[in-house]
C-alpha atoms as a PDB file:
ATOM      1  CA  UNK A   1       1.721 -15.105   4.577  1.00  0.00           C
ATOM      2  CA  UNK A   2       2.980 -11.573   5.134  1.00  0.00           C
ATOM      3  CA  UNK A   3       3.396  -9.469   2.036  1.00  0.00           C
ATOM      4  CA  UNK A   4       4.460  -5.875   1.585  1.00  0.00           C
ATOM      5  CA  UNK A   5       4.524  -4.524  -1.961  1.00  0.00           C
ATOM      6  CA  UNK A   6       5.787  -1.031  -2.739  1.00  0.00           C
ATOM      7  CA  UNK A   7       5.006   0.990  -5.838  1.00  0.00           C
ATOM      8  CA  UNK A   8       5.276   4.550  -7.081  1.00  0.00           C
ATOM      9  CA  UNK A   9       9.010   5.091  -7.305  1.00  0.00           C
ATOM     10  CA  UNK A  10      10.676   6.672 -10.283  1.00  0.00           C
ATOM     11  CA  UNK A  11      12.808   9.489 -11.622  1.00  0.00           C
ATOM     12  CA  UNK A  12      11.873  13.070 -10.803  1.00  0.00           C
ATOM     13  CA  UNK A  13      13.573  16.440 -10.975  1.00  0.00           C
ATOM     14  CA  UNK A  14      14.557  18.310  -7.857  1.00  0.00           C
ATOM     15  CA  UNK A  15      11.576  20.174  -6.459  1.00  0.00           C
ATOM     16  CA  UNK A  16       9.145  17.611  -7.808  1.00  0.00           C
ATOM     17  CA  UNK A  17       6.812  15.183  -6.064  1.00  0.00           C
ATOM     18  CA  UNK A  18       6.173  11.461  -5.900  1.00  0.00           C
ATOM     19  CA  UNK A  19       3.747   9.317  -3.957  1.00  0.00           C
ATOM     20  CA  UNK A  20       4.788   5.874  -2.798  1.00  0.00           C
ATOM     21  CA  UNK A  21       2.294   3.170  -1.902  1.00  0.00           C
ATOM     22  CA  UNK A  22       2.690   0.023   0.145  1.00  0.00           C
ATOM     23  CA  UNK A  23       0.027  -2.655  -0.156  1.00  0.00           C
ATOM     24  CA  UNK A  24       0.194  -4.968   2.827  1.00  0.00           C
ATOM     25  CA  UNK A  25      -1.402  -8.203   3.844  1.00  0.00           C
ATOM     26  CA  UNK A  26      -4.132  -7.658   6.375  1.00  0.00           C
ATOM     27  CA  UNK A  27      -2.436  -9.806   8.975  1.00  0.00           C
ATOM     28  CA  UNK A  28       0.428  -7.348   9.320  1.00  0.00           C
ATOM     29  CA  UNK A  29      -1.276  -4.083   8.483  1.00  0.00           C
ATOM     30  CA  UNK A  30      -4.293  -4.118  10.747  1.00  0.00           C
ATOM     31  CA  UNK A  31      -2.465  -4.450  14.058  1.00  0.00           C
ATOM     32  CA  UNK A  32       0.963  -2.949  13.487  1.00  0.00           C
ATOM     33  CA  UNK A  33       2.864   0.262  13.157  1.00  0.00           C
ATOM     34  CA  UNK A  34       4.030   0.710   9.587  1.00  0.00           C
ATOM     35  CA  UNK A  35       6.930   2.699   8.260  1.00  0.00           C
ATOM     36  CA  UNK A  36       9.049   3.839   5.359  1.00  0.00           C
ATOM     37  CA  UNK A  37      12.797   3.420   5.391  1.00  0.00           C
ATOM     38  CA  UNK A  38      15.373   4.237   2.754  1.00  0.00           C
ATOM     39  CA  UNK A  39      18.872   3.218   1.809  1.00  0.00           C
ATOM     40  CA  UNK A  40      21.147   5.261  -0.403  1.00  0.00           C
ATOM     41  CA  UNK A  41      24.217   3.748  -2.070  1.00  0.00           C
ATOM     42  CA  UNK A  42      27.007   3.261   0.431  1.00  0.00           C
ATOM     43  CA  UNK A  43      24.842   4.265   3.374  1.00  0.00           C
ATOM     44  CA  UNK A  44      22.932   2.462   6.077  1.00  0.00           C
ATOM     45  CA  UNK A  45      19.200   2.036   5.898  1.00  0.00           C
ATOM     46  CA  UNK A  46      17.466   4.875   7.753  1.00  0.00           C
ATOM     47  CA  UNK A  47      14.028   5.672   9.055  1.00  0.00           C
ATOM     48  CA  UNK A  48      12.017   8.076   6.937  1.00  0.00           C
ATOM     49  CA  UNK A  49       8.596   8.037   8.605  1.00  0.00           C
ATOM     50  CA  UNK A  50       6.378   5.774  10.674  1.00  0.00           C
ATOM     51  CA  UNK A  51       2.690   5.664  11.496  1.00  0.00           C
ATOM     52  CA  UNK A  52       0.832   3.742  14.185  1.00  0.00           C
ATOM     53  CA  UNK A  53      -2.531   2.071  13.789  1.00  0.00           C
ATOM     54  CA  UNK A  54      -4.026   5.115  15.481  1.00  0.00           C
ATOM     55  CA  UNK A  55      -2.331   7.535  13.116  1.00  0.00           C
ATOM     56  CA  UNK A  56       0.508   8.831  15.285  1.00  0.00           C
ATOM     57  CA  UNK A  57       3.485   9.683  13.118  1.00  0.00           C
ATOM     58  CA  UNK A  58       7.218  10.154  13.392  1.00  0.00           C
ATOM     59  CA  UNK A  59       9.490  11.706  10.771  1.00  0.00           C
ATOM     60  CA  UNK A  60      13.188  11.955  10.206  1.00  0.00           C
ATOM     61  CA  UNK A  61      14.338  15.553  10.605  1.00  0.00           C
ATOM     62  CA  UNK A  62      15.567  15.569   7.019  1.00  0.00           C
ATOM     63  CA  UNK A  63      12.053  15.062   5.614  1.00  0.00           C
ATOM     64  CA  UNK A  64       9.887  17.003   8.072  1.00  0.00           C
ATOM     65  CA  UNK A  65       7.671  19.492   6.296  1.00  0.00           C
ATOM     66  CA  UNK A  66       8.242  17.835   2.908  1.00  0.00           C
ATOM     67  CA  UNK A  67       7.020  14.243   3.330  1.00  0.00           C
ATOM     68  CA  UNK A  68       3.670  13.035   4.660  1.00  0.00           C
ATOM     69  CA  UNK A  69       2.946   9.476   5.722  1.00  0.00           C
ATOM     70  CA  UNK A  70      -0.599   8.163   5.813  1.00  0.00           C
ATOM     71  CA  UNK A  71      -2.483   4.898   5.915  1.00  0.00           C
ATOM     72  CA  UNK A  72      -5.830   3.655   4.683  1.00  0.00           C
ATOM     73  CA  UNK A  73      -6.853   0.911   7.068  1.00  0.00           C
ATOM     74  CA  UNK A  74      -9.778  -0.142   4.871  1.00  0.00           C
ATOM     75  CA  UNK A  75      -7.413  -0.793   1.966  1.00  0.00           C
ATOM     76  CA  UNK A  76      -4.459  -2.131   3.992  1.00  0.00           C
ATOM     77  CA  UNK A  77      -2.318   0.437   2.216  1.00  0.00           C
ATOM     78  CA  UNK A  78       0.228   2.958   3.427  1.00  0.00           C
ATOM     79  CA  UNK A  79       1.386   6.017   1.496  1.00  0.00           C
ATOM     80  CA  UNK A  80       4.297   8.407   1.479  1.00  0.00           C
ATOM     81  CA  UNK A  81       3.673  11.726  -0.222  1.00  0.00           C
ATOM     82  CA  UNK A  82       7.037  13.268  -1.045  1.00  0.00           C
ATOM     83  CA  UNK A  83       7.161  16.923  -2.030  1.00  0.00           C
ATOM     84  CA  UNK A  84      10.026  19.317  -2.675  1.00  0.00           C
ATOM     85  CA  UNK A  85      12.287  16.392  -3.439  1.00  0.00           C
ATOM     86  CA  UNK A  86      16.041  16.875  -3.261  1.00  0.00           C
ATOM     87  CA  UNK A  87      18.873  14.898  -4.869  1.00  0.00           C
ATOM     88  CA  UNK A  88      19.811  13.643  -1.397  1.00  0.00           C
ATOM     89  CA  UNK A  89      16.434  11.904  -1.214  1.00  0.00           C
ATOM     90  CA  UNK A  90      17.666   9.486  -3.879  1.00  0.00           C
ATOM     91  CA  UNK A  91      17.514   5.977  -2.416  1.00  0.00           C
ATOM     92  CA  UNK A  92      15.685   2.690  -2.439  1.00  0.00           C
ATOM     93  CA  UNK A  93      12.592   3.133  -0.292  1.00  0.00           C
ATOM     94  CA  UNK A  94      11.332   0.190   1.717  1.00  0.00           C
ATOM     95  CA  UNK A  95       8.000  -0.467   3.342  1.00  0.00           C
ATOM     96  CA  UNK A  96       8.248  -1.942   6.827  1.00  0.00           C
ATOM     97  CA  UNK A  97       5.807  -3.460   9.263  1.00  0.00           C
ATOM     98  CA  UNK A  98       5.762  -4.659  12.815  1.00  0.00           C
ATOM     99  CA  UNK A  99       8.040  -2.079  14.378  1.00  0.00           C
ATOM    100  CA  UNK A 100       7.574   0.953  16.569  1.00  0.00           C
ATOM    101  CA  UNK A 101       7.503   4.653  15.830  1.00  0.00           C
ATOM    102  CA  UNK A 102      11.267   4.703  16.265  1.00  0.00           C
ATOM    103  CA  UNK A 103      12.543   1.323  15.120  1.00  0.00           C
ATOM    104  CA  UNK A 104      11.803  -1.067  12.296  1.00  0.00           C
ATOM    105  CA  UNK A 105       9.977  -4.367  12.520  1.00  0.00           C
ATOM    106  CA  UNK A 106      10.793  -7.671  10.907  1.00  0.00           C
ATOM    107  CA  UNK A 107       8.675  -7.370   7.785  1.00  0.00           C
ATOM    108  CA  UNK A 108      10.071  -5.696   4.665  1.00  0.00           C
ATOM    109  CA  UNK A 109       8.949  -5.063   1.136  1.00  0.00           C
ATOM    110  CA  UNK A 110      11.223  -5.465  -1.863  1.00  0.00           C
ATOM    111  CA  UNK A 111      11.891  -1.750  -2.188  1.00  0.00           C
ATOM    112  CA  UNK A 112      11.236   0.867  -4.848  1.00  0.00           C
ATOM    113  CA  UNK A 113      13.853   3.157  -6.370  1.00  0.00           C
ATOM    114  CA  UNK A 114      13.466   6.916  -6.080  1.00  0.00           C
ATOM    115  CA  UNK A 115      15.911   9.010  -8.066  1.00  0.00           C
ATOM    116  CA  UNK A 116      15.938  12.798  -7.847  1.00  0.00           C
ATOM    117  CA  UNK A 117      17.946  14.607 -10.489  1.00  0.00           C
ATOM    118  CA  UNK A 118      19.450  18.024  -9.941  1.00  0.00           C
END
């Protein structure tokens, strides 16, 4: 059974930091590219960052230089370190597995809310 469980969301002031975690079942994590996506109210879900099993990454232009994606293959866990947060980063953030560096796969977590106040 594939499971993706996000944690670490919350409310933070602009300029602050948060770290999201995604704990994944080994069956999906060990052999697949993983990624973070987000969806703001009234907007389509968009790619934030992805990371391959070998550690190659891809970032949305809007988060480059502020967000860092990483994975711990021993723990089957992916992270998203978010610094210099802006109000426009407010969204539900989803963990995704099974895709490519540029497109999502079929496996999704339940999402975690990130709210950045101005």
